[in-house]
Amino acid sequence: MSQNNIIIMEFSTTQISAFRIACEVIDNLVHDVNLEVSADGIKIRETDPNSKLFLSVWFAGGNFDLYNYLCDCPTGKFDVGIDIGNIVSSLTQRLKYDVLRFKVYSDFSIRLELESYKRDEVKTVKLKKVEALPFTDYSDILPVVYSHSVTLSTELFSKYCKDIIRTSQGLLLKLNKNKLVISKEDESLEYSINGKTKHNLQIILQPDNKTPNDFVSSMLPSKYFSILSKLSNISELVSIMIGGNPTLIKYNLGSLGELKLVLF
């Protein structure tokens, strides 16, 4: 490595499992990604090739054990393209490490360092770069306000989704002020979760809603929910926003940040 090739951003974390699972989900949804890096953290904003989804991921710099932004870019940020599957395979093969360090250099090469205190060793992996592609910004067409939102256990949501997506290409969500209904596309199998039961759903309706007992619904491709179910290992709650097309689903990524998935 050239002496002029300096580190322009680095972070370290002991939450290796959470970071790996987040990267695995991102890779299964959109594959190659742009990292938008600034002093505040790392953003990923991508669409799939068919523009059927919009993925927004935020890793907050302050949530890492160490986060240093050392770039003197005039814009205060830089983009770097990465094959995120490279991260997944690197971390999957090396699970018995204590600390992950992620470093971006001035030539936009990226290296992972995995340190084991017990074995007193550090493994270094150079990640594959990809061309940073122009970002398709959907923020101007996303609803500012959704009429309905619900928050529930990711474990419970994943359990019901799993039963449905085995035999259905569509997952139907219906929500009113009291109840969330998760069903197959043809409604031949459905689960109703009442907000006043032990599941303790947090349902929020906009104050100007004149028909709170009426259901709003959203039909979503079921293929995405087997991918999202992996997040139940690192996120206790999932939030779903309905009543403004498209539907938005939000998970926490351990304590590192959050993932939002918009399905059109």
C-alpha atoms as a PDB file:
ATOM      1  CA  MET A   1       0.000   0.000   0.000  1.00  0.00           C
ATOM      2  CA  SER A   2       1.284   3.436  -0.936  1.00  0.00           C
ATOM      3  CA  GLN A   3       2.349   5.717   1.899  1.00  0.00           C
ATOM      4  CA  ASN A   4       0.062   8.361   0.372  1.00  0.00           C
ATOM      5  CA  ASN A   5      -2.928   6.038   0.699  1.00  0.00           C
ATOM      6  CA  ILE A   6      -4.395   7.111   4.022  1.00  0.00           C
ATOM      7  CA  ILE A   7      -7.462   6.122   6.017  1.00  0.00           C
ATOM      8  CA  ILE A   8     -10.405   8.483   5.374  1.00  0.00           C
ATOM      9  CA  MET A   9     -12.976   6.646   7.507  1.00  0.00           C
ATOM     10  CA  GLU A  10     -12.838   3.860  10.049  1.00  0.00           C
ATOM     11  CA  PHE A  11     -15.113   2.279  12.581  1.00  0.00           C
ATOM     12  CA  SER A  12     -14.858  -0.581  15.032  1.00  0.00           C
ATOM     13  CA  THR A  13     -17.572  -2.597  16.730  1.00  0.00           C
ATOM     14  CA  THR A  14     -18.006  -5.644  18.937  1.00  0.00           C
ATOM     15  CA  GLN A  15     -21.515  -6.139  17.489  1.00  0.00           C
ATOM     16  CA  ILE A  16     -20.153  -8.357  14.734  1.00  0.00           C
ATOM     17  CA  SER A  17     -23.201 -10.636  14.582  1.00  0.00           C
ATOM     18  CA  ALA A  18     -25.649  -7.735  14.230  1.00  0.00           C
ATOM     19  CA  PHE A  19     -23.531  -6.137  11.533  1.00  0.00           C
ATOM     20  CA  ARG A  20     -23.221  -9.430   9.628  1.00  0.00           C
ATOM     21  CA  ILE A  21     -26.976 -10.114   9.731  1.00  0.00           C
ATOM     22  CA  ALA A  22     -27.732  -6.576   8.559  1.00  0.00           C
ATOM     23  CA  CYS A  23     -25.302  -6.966   5.657  1.00  0.00           C
ATOM     24  CA  GLU A  24     -26.771 -10.366   4.765  1.00  0.00           C
ATOM     25  CA  VAL A  25     -30.280  -8.902   4.527  1.00  0.00           C
ATOM     26  CA  ILE A  26     -29.040  -5.954   2.450  1.00  0.00           C
ATOM     27  CA  ASP A  27     -27.176  -8.305   0.118  1.00  0.00           C
ATOM     28  CA  ASN A  28     -30.272 -10.473  -0.379  1.00  0.00           C
ATOM     29  CA  LEU A  29     -32.348  -7.417  -1.248  1.00  0.00           C
ATOM     30  CA  VAL A  30     -30.094  -5.288  -3.479  1.00  0.00           C
ATOM     31  CA  HIS A  31     -26.569  -6.830  -3.763  1.00  0.00           C
ATOM     32  CA  ASP A  32     -24.044  -4.104  -4.731  1.00  0.00           C
ATOM     33  CA  VAL A  33     -24.523  -0.865  -2.813  1.00  0.00           C
ATOM     34  CA  ASN A  34     -23.181   2.636  -2.432  1.00  0.00           C
ATOM     35  CA  LEU A  35     -22.019   3.670   1.001  1.00  0.00           C
ATOM     36  CA  GLU A  36     -22.650   7.364   1.592  1.00  0.00           C
ATOM     37  CA  VAL A  37     -20.138   8.179   4.327  1.00  0.00           C
ATOM     38  CA  SER A  38     -20.124  11.342   6.439  1.00  0.00           C
ATOM     39  CA  ALA A  39     -19.090  12.456   9.903  1.00  0.00           C
ATOM     40  CA  ASP A  40     -22.519  11.348  11.197  1.00  0.00           C
ATOM     41  CA  GLY A  41     -22.358   7.769   9.934  1.00  0.00           C
ATOM     42  CA  ILE A  42     -23.076   5.605   6.907  1.00  0.00           C
ATOM     43  CA  LYS A  43     -26.165   5.631   4.694  1.00  0.00           C
ATOM     44  CA  ILE A  44     -27.242   3.085   2.116  1.00  0.00           C
ATOM     45  CA  ARG A  45     -30.081   4.039  -0.212  1.00  0.00           C
ATOM     46  CA  GLU A  46     -30.775   1.624  -3.037  1.00  0.00           C
ATOM     47  CA  THR A  47     -33.509   0.285  -5.281  1.00  0.00           C
ATOM     48  CA  ASP A  48     -33.726  -3.178  -6.804  1.00  0.00           C
ATOM     49  CA  PRO A  49     -33.361  -3.581 -10.614  1.00  0.00           C
ATOM     50  CA  ASN A  50     -37.144  -3.677 -11.068  1.00  0.00           C
ATOM     51  CA  SER A  51     -37.737  -0.619  -8.859  1.00  0.00           C
ATOM     52  CA  LYS A  52     -40.131  -2.650  -6.708  1.00  0.00           C
ATOM     53  CA  LEU A  53     -38.441  -1.670  -3.475  1.00  0.00           C
ATOM     54  CA  PHE A  54     -36.497   1.181  -1.949  1.00  0.00           C
ATOM     55  CA  LEU A  55     -34.024   0.314   0.797  1.00  0.00           C
ATOM     56  CA  SER A  56     -32.746   2.891   3.258  1.00  0.00           C
ATOM     57  CA  VAL A  57     -30.195   1.870   5.884  1.00  0.00           C
ATOM     58  CA  TRP A  58     -28.601   4.105   8.505  1.00  0.00           C
ATOM     59  CA  PHE A  59     -25.602   3.140  10.628  1.00  0.00           C
ATOM     60  CA  ALA A  60     -25.147   5.963  13.138  1.00  0.00           C
ATOM     61  CA  GLY A  61     -21.512   6.847  13.710  1.00  0.00           C
ATOM     62  CA  GLY A  62     -22.100   7.419  17.411  1.00  0.00           C
ATOM     63  CA  ASN A  63     -23.394   3.868  17.839  1.00  0.00           C
ATOM     64  CA  PHE A  64     -20.100   2.226  16.907  1.00  0.00           C
ATOM     65  CA  ASP A  65     -17.461   1.650  19.566  1.00  0.00           C
ATOM     66  CA  LEU A  66     -15.181   3.882  17.498  1.00  0.00           C
ATOM     67  CA  TYR A  67     -16.064   6.042  14.495  1.00  0.00           C
ATOM     68  CA  ASN A  68     -13.563   8.360  12.813  1.00  0.00           C
ATOM     69  CA  TYR A  69     -14.366  10.400   9.718  1.00  0.00           C
ATOM     70  CA  LEU A  70     -11.025  11.704   8.444  1.00  0.00           C
ATOM     71  CA  CYS A  71     -11.905  12.834   4.911  1.00  0.00           C
ATOM     72  CA  ASP A  72     -11.477  16.515   3.962  1.00  0.00           C
ATOM     73  CA  CYS A  73     -14.052  16.276   1.125  1.00  0.00           C
ATOM     74  CA  PRO A  74     -15.598  19.696   0.367  1.00  0.00           C
ATOM     75  CA  THR A  75     -19.102  18.210   0.450  1.00  0.00           C
ATOM     76  CA  GLY A  76     -18.564  16.687   3.890  1.00  0.00           C
ATOM     77  CA  LYS A  77     -19.247  13.190   2.568  1.00  0.00           C
ATOM     78  CA  PHE A  78     -18.089  10.676  -0.003  1.00  0.00           C
ATOM     79  CA  ASP A  79     -19.551   7.656  -1.815  1.00  0.00           C
ATOM     80  CA  VAL A  80     -17.893   4.295  -2.261  1.00  0.00           C
ATOM     81  CA  GLY A  81     -19.353   1.282  -4.081  1.00  0.00           C
ATOM     82  CA  ILE A  82     -19.034  -2.133  -2.483  1.00  0.00           C
ATOM     83  CA  ASP A  83     -20.038  -5.735  -3.069  1.00  0.00           C
ATOM     84  CA  ILE A  84     -21.711  -6.207   0.303  1.00  0.00           C
ATOM     85  CA  GLY A  85     -21.818  -9.974  -0.206  1.00  0.00           C
ATOM     86  CA  ASN A  86     -18.044  -9.804   0.259  1.00  0.00           C
ATOM     87  CA  ILE A  87     -18.610  -8.625   3.833  1.00  0.00           C
ATOM     88  CA  VAL A  88     -21.112 -11.412   4.489  1.00  0.00           C
ATOM     89  CA  SER A  89     -18.811 -14.181   3.276  1.00  0.00           C
ATOM     90  CA  SER A  90     -15.852 -12.720   5.168  1.00  0.00           C
ATOM     91  CA  LEU A  91     -17.750 -12.535   8.447  1.00  0.00           C
ATOM     92  CA  THR A  92     -19.540 -15.863   8.038  1.00  0.00           C
ATOM     93  CA  GLN A  93     -16.216 -17.653   7.700  1.00  0.00           C
ATOM     94  CA  ARG A  94     -14.723 -15.896  10.709  1.00  0.00           C
ATOM     95  CA  LEU A  95     -17.248 -15.985  13.532  1.00  0.00           C
ATOM     96  CA  LYS A  96     -14.920 -16.361  16.513  1.00  0.00           C
ATOM     97  CA  TYR A  97     -13.584 -12.831  16.649  1.00  0.00           C
ATOM     98  CA  ASP A  98     -14.119 -10.109  19.213  1.00  0.00           C
ATOM     99  CA  VAL A  99     -13.746  -6.853  17.264  1.00  0.00           C
ATOM    100  CA  LEU A 100     -14.492  -5.816  13.702  1.00  0.00           C
ATOM    101  CA  ARG A 101     -12.648  -2.837  12.222  1.00  0.00           C
ATOM    102  CA  PHE A 102     -13.788  -1.384   8.905  1.00  0.00           C
ATOM    103  CA  LYS A 103     -11.418   0.987   7.077  1.00  0.00           C
ATOM    104  CA  VAL A 104     -11.820   3.017   3.879  1.00  0.00           C
ATOM    105  CA  TYR A 105      -8.660   4.411   2.300  1.00  0.00           C
ATOM    106  CA  SER A 106      -8.113   7.441   0.077  1.00  0.00           C
ATOM    107  CA  ASP A 107      -8.045   5.241  -3.041  1.00  0.00           C
ATOM    108  CA  PHE A 108     -11.475   3.983  -1.874  1.00  0.00           C
ATOM    109  CA  SER A 109     -10.179   0.510  -1.148  1.00  0.00           C
ATOM    110  CA  ILE A 110     -11.844  -1.112   1.846  1.00  0.00           C
ATOM    111  CA  ARG A 111     -10.405  -3.486   4.414  1.00  0.00           C
ATOM    112  CA  LEU A 112     -11.894  -5.461   7.251  1.00  0.00           C
ATOM    113  CA  GLU A 113      -9.795  -6.325  10.266  1.00  0.00           C
ATOM    114  CA  LEU A 114     -11.048  -9.041  12.626  1.00  0.00           C
ATOM    115  CA  GLU A 115      -9.287  -9.328  15.973  1.00  0.00           C
ATOM    116  CA  SER A 116      -9.387 -12.236  18.412  1.00  0.00           C
ATOM    117  CA  TYR A 117      -8.165 -11.397  21.906  1.00  0.00           C
ATOM    118  CA  LYS A 118      -8.027 -15.050  22.955  1.00  0.00           C
ATOM    119  CA  ARG A 119      -5.853 -16.108  20.030  1.00  0.00           C
ATOM    120  CA  ASP A 120      -4.018 -12.783  19.879  1.00  0.00           C
ATOM    121  CA  GLU A 121      -4.439 -12.510  16.121  1.00  0.00           C
ATOM    122  CA  VAL A 122      -5.792 -10.123  13.502  1.00  0.00           C
ATOM    123  CA  LYS A 123      -7.161 -11.226  10.136  1.00  0.00           C
ATOM    124  CA  THR A 124      -7.268  -8.657   7.326  1.00  0.00           C
ATOM    125  CA  VAL A 125      -9.650  -8.984   4.362  1.00  0.00           C
ATOM    126  CA  LYS A 126      -9.596  -6.694   1.328  1.00  0.00           C
ATOM    127  CA  LEU A 127     -13.122  -6.148   0.030  1.00  0.00           C
ATOM    128  CA  LYS A 128     -14.137  -5.983  -3.600  1.00  0.00           C
ATOM    129  CA  LYS A 129     -14.996  -2.495  -4.854  1.00  0.00           C
ATOM    130  CA  VAL A 130     -17.730  -1.777  -7.375  1.00  0.00           C
ATOM    131  CA  GLU A 131     -18.497   1.372  -9.291  1.00  0.00           C
ATOM    132  CA  ALA A 132     -20.544   3.810  -7.246  1.00  0.00           C
ATOM    133  CA  LEU A 133     -23.762   4.151  -9.238  1.00  0.00           C
ATOM    134  CA  PRO A 134     -26.065   7.188  -9.315  1.00  0.00           C
ATOM    135  CA  PHE A 135     -28.696   7.074  -6.583  1.00  0.00           C
ATOM    136  CA  THR A 136     -32.380   6.993  -7.546  1.00  0.00           C
ATOM    137  CA  ASP A 137     -34.045   9.303  -5.036  1.00  0.00           C
ATOM    138  CA  TYR A 138     -37.598   8.269  -4.147  1.00  0.00           C
ATOM    139  CA  SER A 139     -37.876  10.581  -1.158  1.00  0.00           C
ATOM    140  CA  ASP A 140     -40.045  13.082  -3.030  1.00  0.00           C
ATOM    141  CA  ILE A 141     -42.759  10.496  -3.741  1.00  0.00           C
ATOM    142  CA  LEU A 142     -42.858   8.757  -0.374  1.00  0.00           C
ATOM    143  CA  PRO A 143     -45.758   9.766   1.880  1.00  0.00           C
ATOM    144  CA  VAL A 144     -44.828  12.229   4.586  1.00  0.00           C
ATOM    145  CA  VAL A 145     -47.654  10.859   6.752  1.00  0.00           C
ATOM    146  CA  TYR A 146     -49.195   7.392   6.864  1.00  0.00           C
ATOM    147  CA  SER A 147     -52.771   7.083   8.115  1.00  0.00           C
ATOM    148  CA  HIS A 148     -51.987   3.923  10.143  1.00  0.00           C
ATOM    149  CA  SER A 149     -48.908   2.468  11.804  1.00  0.00           C
ATOM    150  CA  VAL A 150     -48.343  -0.549  14.033  1.00  0.00           C
ATOM    151  CA  THR A 151     -45.394  -1.806  16.075  1.00  0.00           C
ATOM    152  CA  LEU A 152     -45.148  -5.419  17.200  1.00  0.00           C
ATOM    153  CA  SER A 153     -42.702  -8.173  18.118  1.00  0.00           C
ATOM    154  CA  THR A 154     -40.481  -9.216  15.218  1.00  0.00           C
ATOM    155  CA  GLU A 155     -40.610 -12.801  16.493  1.00  0.00           C
ATOM    156  CA  LEU A 156     -44.408 -12.857  16.317  1.00  0.00           C
ATOM    157  CA  PHE A 157     -44.533 -11.115  12.940  1.00  0.00           C
ATOM    158  CA  SER A 158     -41.929 -13.474  11.448  1.00  0.00           C
ATOM    159  CA  LYS A 159     -43.781 -16.520  12.796  1.00  0.00           C
ATOM    160  CA  TYR A 160     -47.052 -15.597  11.094  1.00  0.00           C
ATOM    161  CA  CYS A 161     -45.348 -14.483   7.892  1.00  0.00           C
ATOM    162  CA  LYS A 162     -43.470 -17.792   7.694  1.00  0.00           C
ATOM    163  CA  ASP A 163     -46.699 -19.807   7.741  1.00  0.00           C
ATOM    164  CA  ILE A 164     -48.178 -17.717   4.943  1.00  0.00           C
ATOM    165  CA  ILE A 165     -45.294 -17.237   2.524  1.00  0.00           C
ATOM    166  CA  ARG A 166     -44.719 -20.990   2.168  1.00  0.00           C
ATOM    167  CA  THR A 167     -47.768 -21.244  -0.101  1.00  0.00           C
ATOM    168  CA  SER A 168     -48.578 -17.691  -1.207  1.00  0.00           C
ATOM    169  CA  GLN A 169     -46.867 -15.184  -3.454  1.00  0.00           C
ATOM    170  CA  GLY A 170     -48.633 -12.317  -1.746  1.00  0.00           C
ATOM    171  CA  LEU A 171     -48.838 -11.232   1.889  1.00  0.00           C
ATOM    172  CA  LEU A 172     -51.908  -9.176   2.758  1.00  0.00           C
ATOM    173  CA  LEU A 173     -51.750  -6.798   5.721  1.00  0.00           C
ATOM    174  CA  LYS A 174     -54.894  -5.137   7.090  1.00  0.00           C
ATOM    175  CA  LEU A 175     -54.961  -2.690   9.979  1.00  0.00           C
ATOM    176  CA  ASN A 176     -57.555  -0.680  11.893  1.00  0.00           C
ATOM    177  CA  LYS A 177     -57.517   0.967  15.319  1.00  0.00           C
ATOM    178  CA  ASN A 178     -57.780  -2.357  17.179  1.00  0.00           C
ATOM    179  CA  LYS A 179     -56.354  -5.133  15.079  1.00  0.00           C
ATOM    180  CA  LEU A 180     -53.643  -6.250  12.656  1.00  0.00           C
ATOM    181  CA  VAL A 181     -54.565  -9.036  10.222  1.00  0.00           C
ATOM    182  CA  ILE A 182     -51.849 -10.948   8.352  1.00  0.00           C
ATOM    183  CA  SER A 183     -53.168 -13.260   5.640  1.00  0.00           C
ATOM    184  CA  LYS A 184     -52.531 -15.108   2.413  1.00  0.00           C
ATOM    185  CA  GLU A 185     -53.283 -13.351  -0.842  1.00  0.00           C
ATOM    186  CA  ASP A 186     -56.614 -15.186  -1.210  1.00  0.00           C
ATOM    187  CA  GLU A 187     -57.342 -14.839   2.545  1.00  0.00           C
ATOM    188  CA  SER A 188     -57.653 -18.632   2.918  1.00  0.00           C
ATOM    189  CA  LEU A 189     -55.303 -18.408   5.921  1.00  0.00           C
ATOM    190  CA  GLU A 190     -55.100 -15.419   8.225  1.00  0.00           C
ATOM    191  CA  TYR A 191     -53.888 -14.418  11.656  1.00  0.00           C
ATOM    192  CA  SER A 192     -55.560 -11.658  13.667  1.00  0.00           C
ATOM    193  CA  ILE A 193     -53.628  -9.888  16.395  1.00  0.00           C
ATOM    194  CA  ASN A 194     -55.721  -7.770  18.719  1.00  0.00           C
ATOM    195  CA  GLY A 195     -54.190  -4.638  20.160  1.00  0.00           C
ATOM    196  CA  LYS A 196     -55.766  -5.266  23.563  1.00  0.00           C
ATOM    197  CA  THR A 197     -54.383  -8.762  24.047  1.00  0.00           C
ATOM    198  CA  LYS A 198     -51.104  -9.893  25.615  1.00  0.00           C
ATOM    199  CA  HIS A 199     -49.357  -9.069  22.325  1.00  0.00           C
ATOM    200  CA  ASN A 200     -49.867  -5.385  23.175  1.00  0.00           C
ATOM    201  CA  LEU A 201     -49.714  -3.949  19.671  1.00  0.00           C
ATOM    202  CA  GLN A 202     -48.887  -0.277  19.441  1.00  0.00           C
ATOM    203  CA  ILE A 203     -51.343   1.019  16.852  1.00  0.00           C
ATOM    204  CA  ILE A 204     -51.343   4.693  15.904  1.00  0.00           C
ATOM    205  CA  LEU A 205     -53.900   6.406  13.672  1.00  0.00           C
ATOM    206  CA  GLN A 206     -53.733   9.962  12.443  1.00  0.00           C
ATOM    207  CA  PRO A 207     -55.933  12.238  14.615  1.00  0.00           C
ATOM    208  CA  ASP A 208     -58.075  13.338  11.658  1.00  0.00           C
ATOM    209  CA  ASN A 209     -59.119   9.756  10.855  1.00  0.00           C
ATOM    210  CA  LYS A 210     -62.928   9.775  10.548  1.00  0.00           C
ATOM    211  CA  THR A 211     -63.374   5.979  10.231  1.00  0.00           C
ATOM    212  CA  PRO A 212     -61.022   4.365  12.769  1.00  0.00           C
ATOM    213  CA  ASN A 213     -62.829   1.001  12.647  1.00  0.00           C
ATOM    214  CA  ASP A 214     -62.309   0.644   8.898  1.00  0.00           C
ATOM    215  CA  PHE A 215     -59.345  -1.394   7.705  1.00  0.00           C
ATOM    216  CA  VAL A 216     -56.611  -0.103   5.446  1.00  0.00           C
ATOM    217  CA  SER A 217     -54.807  -2.829   3.527  1.00  0.00           C
ATOM    218  CA  SER A 218     -51.582  -3.470   1.675  1.00  0.00           C
ATOM    219  CA  MET A 219     -50.733  -6.410  -0.602  1.00  0.00           C
ATOM    220  CA  LEU A 220     -46.998  -7.122  -0.575  1.00  0.00           C
ATOM    221  CA  PRO A 221     -44.779  -9.646  -2.392  1.00  0.00           C
ATOM    222  CA  SER A 222     -44.187 -12.459   0.094  1.00  0.00           C
ATOM    223  CA  LYS A 223     -40.651 -13.210  -1.154  1.00  0.00           C
ATOM    224  CA  TYR A 224     -39.183 -10.328   0.846  1.00  0.00           C
ATOM    225  CA  PHE A 225     -40.434 -11.554   4.214  1.00  0.00           C
ATOM    226  CA  SER A 226     -38.281 -14.675   4.386  1.00  0.00           C
ATOM    227  CA  ILE A 227     -35.312 -12.315   3.972  1.00  0.00           C
ATOM    228  CA  LEU A 228     -36.574  -9.859   6.600  1.00  0.00           C
ATOM    229  CA  SER A 229     -37.222 -12.669   9.098  1.00  0.00           C
ATOM    230  CA  LYS A 230     -33.451 -12.834   9.692  1.00  0.00           C
ATOM    231  CA  LEU A 231     -33.685  -9.461  11.409  1.00  0.00           C
ATOM    232  CA  SER A 232     -35.741 -10.983  14.230  1.00  0.00           C
ATOM    233  CA  ASN A 233     -32.373 -12.112  15.668  1.00  0.00           C
ATOM    234  CA  ILE A 234     -31.215  -8.533  16.217  1.00  0.00           C
ATOM    235  CA  SER A 235     -34.406  -6.435  16.316  1.00  0.00           C
ATOM    236  CA  GLU A 236     -37.084  -6.878  18.991  1.00  0.00           C
ATOM    237  CA  LEU A 237     -39.707  -4.782  17.223  1.00  0.00           C
ATOM    238  CA  VAL A 238     -40.878  -4.146  13.682  1.00  0.00           C
ATOM    239  CA  SER A 239     -42.905  -1.094  12.667  1.00  0.00           C
ATOM    240  CA  ILE A 240     -45.240  -1.115   9.660  1.00  0.00           C
ATOM    241  CA  MET A 241     -46.719   2.034   8.131  1.00  0.00           C
ATOM    242  CA  ILE A 242     -49.834   1.645   5.943  1.00  0.00           C
ATOM    243  CA  GLY A 243     -52.408   3.983   4.474  1.00  0.00           C
ATOM    244  CA  GLY A 244     -50.244   5.851   2.017  1.00  0.00           C
ATOM    245  CA  ASN A 245     -48.891   3.958  -0.931  1.00  0.00           C
ATOM    246  CA  PRO A 246     -46.189   2.539  -0.758  1.00  0.00           C
ATOM    247  CA  THR A 247     -45.943   0.586   2.512  1.00  0.00           C
ATOM    248  CA  LEU A 248     -42.951   1.155   4.787  1.00  0.00           C
ATOM    249  CA  ILE A 249     -41.423  -1.442   7.135  1.00  0.00           C
ATOM    250  CA  LYS A 250     -38.787  -0.510   9.719  1.00  0.00           C
ATOM    251  CA  TYR A 251     -36.395  -2.595  11.844  1.00  0.00           C
ATOM    252  CA  ASN A 252     -33.600  -1.685  14.247  1.00  0.00           C
ATOM    253  CA  LEU A 253     -30.183  -3.193  13.490  1.00  0.00           C
ATOM    254  CA  GLY A 254     -29.222  -4.092  17.029  1.00  0.00           C
ATOM    255  CA  SER A 255     -28.137  -0.755  18.458  1.00  0.00           C
ATOM    256  CA  LEU A 256     -26.117   0.168  15.344  1.00  0.00           C
ATOM    257  CA  GLY A 257     -28.887   1.858  13.362  1.00  0.00           C
ATOM    258  CA  GLU A 258     -32.048   1.100  11.418  1.00  0.00           C
ATOM    259  CA  LEU A 259     -33.279  -0.422   8.177  1.00  0.00           C
ATOM    260  CA  LYS A 260     -36.317   0.875   6.300  1.00  0.00           C
ATOM    261  CA  LEU A 261     -37.815  -1.035   3.391  1.00  0.00           C
ATOM    262  CA  VAL A 262     -40.399   0.586   1.132  1.00  0.00           C
ATOM    263  CA  LEU A 263     -42.384  -1.855  -1.031  1.00  0.00           C
ATOM    264  CA  PHE A 264     -44.161  -0.468  -4.091  1.00  0.00           C
END
